[in-house]
């Protein structure tokens, strides 16, 4: 973990800390850690992982891809002849088709 932090890879260090946490819990569950050390050990491992600053940044998209011409992010369908009418593939209440 320390080498990854020194190399500027906090997310890699966090992955190592998570692996250590899982290994620690497995050892505690298997009875390989004496009862008097369990609480302190698990708290220390949890604290170690919480102290590593890994922030995953979502990919950015151009603003133009999120907005249409009028500046909002809705598809207006201006001038649609069927505006206000429900569209669907069902038979509706109009009765049976012949």
Protein backbone atom coordinates (compact mmCIF):
# COMPACT_ATOMS: atom_id res chain seq x y z
CA UNK A 1 0.00 0.00 0.00
CA UNK A 2 2.73 2.45 0.94
CA UNK A 3 4.54 1.90 -2.36
CA UNK A 4 1.35 2.57 -4.31
CA UNK A 5 0.65 5.71 -2.32
CA UNK A 6 4.24 6.90 -2.86
CA UNK A 7 3.84 6.21 -6.59
CA UNK A 8 0.68 8.35 -6.73
CA UNK A 9 -1.75 5.43 -7.00
CA UNK A 10 -4.21 5.92 -4.13
CA UNK A 11 -6.88 3.77 -5.77
CA UNK A 12 -4.44 0.87 -6.07
CA UNK A 13 -3.52 1.36 -2.41
CA UNK A 14 -7.21 1.37 -1.48
CA UNK A 15 -7.69 -1.91 -3.37
CA UNK A 16 -4.82 -3.39 -1.33
CA UNK A 17 -6.40 -2.08 1.89
CA UNK A 18 -9.72 -3.66 0.94
CA UNK A 19 -7.96 -6.96 0.30
CA UNK A 20 -6.28 -6.67 3.71
CA UNK A 21 -9.67 -5.97 5.30
CA UNK A 22 -11.19 -9.07 3.70
CA UNK A 23 -8.22 -11.21 4.76
CA UNK A 24 -8.46 -9.83 8.31
CA UNK A 25 -12.16 -10.61 8.56
CA UNK A 26 -11.57 -14.11 7.21
CA UNK A 27 -8.84 -14.69 9.81
CA UNK A 28 -11.09 -13.41 12.60
CA UNK A 29 -14.00 -15.57 11.40
CA UNK A 30 -11.74 -18.63 11.22
CA UNK A 31 -10.58 -18.10 14.79
CA UNK A 32 -6.97 -17.38 13.82
CA UNK A 33 -6.95 -14.06 15.72
CA UNK A 34 -7.09 -14.23 19.54
CA UNK A 35 -10.32 -12.70 20.89
CA UNK A 36 -8.50 -9.95 22.81
CA UNK A 37 -7.02 -8.54 19.53
CA UNK A 38 -10.04 -8.87 17.22
CA UNK A 39 -11.75 -5.56 17.93
CA UNK A 40 -8.56 -3.50 17.81
CA UNK A 41 -7.27 -5.24 14.67
CA UNK A 42 -10.48 -4.86 12.68
CA UNK A 43 -10.82 -1.21 13.74
CA UNK A 44 -7.23 -0.48 12.67
CA UNK A 45 -7.70 -2.13 9.26
CA UNK A 46 -11.00 -0.29 8.73
CA UNK A 47 -9.37 3.02 9.70
CA UNK A 48 -6.46 2.39 7.35
CA UNK A 49 -8.78 1.89 4.38
CA UNK A 50 -10.84 4.95 5.31
CA UNK A 51 -7.72 7.13 5.36
CA UNK A 52 -6.79 6.45 1.72
CA UNK A 53 -8.12 9.20 -0.57
CA UNK A 54 -9.25 7.49 -3.77
CA UNK A 55 -11.77 9.46 -5.80
CA UNK A 56 -13.02 8.04 -9.05
CA UNK A 57 -13.98 10.83 -11.44
CA UNK A 58 -16.78 10.00 -13.88
CA UNK A 59 -15.98 10.64 -17.54
CA UNK A 60 -17.04 14.07 -18.75
CA UNK A 61 -19.30 14.65 -21.71
CA UNK A 62 -19.56 17.77 -23.83
CA UNK A 63 -22.33 20.13 -22.72
CA UNK A 64 -23.76 20.15 -26.22
CA UNK A 65 -24.58 16.46 -25.99
CA UNK A 66 -26.81 17.11 -22.98
CA UNK A 67 -28.81 20.01 -24.43
CA UNK A 68 -30.78 20.55 -27.59
CA UNK A 69 -31.05 23.86 -29.48
CA UNK A 70 -33.27 25.65 -26.97
CA UNK A 71 -30.93 25.03 -24.04
CA UNK A 72 -32.90 22.43 -22.15
CA UNK A 73 -32.34 18.71 -22.17
CA UNK A 74 -35.79 17.75 -23.42
CA UNK A 75 -36.83 16.61 -26.86
CA UNK A 76 -39.57 19.10 -27.69
CA UNK A 77 -41.05 17.59 -30.89
CA UNK A 78 -42.42 21.02 -31.89
CA UNK A 79 -45.13 20.94 -34.53
CA UNK A 80 -46.04 17.31 -33.92
CA UNK A 81 -49.48 16.70 -35.47
CA UNK A 82 -50.40 14.06 -32.88
CA UNK A 83 -49.52 16.25 -29.91
CA UNK A 84 -51.72 15.43 -26.95
CA UNK A 85 -52.78 12.06 -28.38
CA UNK A 86 -51.62 8.89 -26.70
CA UNK A 87 -49.59 6.58 -28.86
CA UNK A 88 -49.40 2.85 -28.38
CA UNK A 89 -49.79 -0.53 -29.97
CA UNK A 90 -52.79 -1.70 -27.97
CA UNK A 91 -56.35 -2.00 -29.28
CA UNK A 92 -57.62 0.64 -26.86
CA UNK A 93 -61.26 1.19 -25.98
CA UNK A 94 -62.43 1.62 -29.56
CA UNK A 95 -63.57 -1.96 -29.89
CA UNK A 96 -62.32 -4.86 -31.97
CA UNK A 97 -60.56 -4.34 -35.27
CA UNK A 98 -61.91 -6.09 -38.31
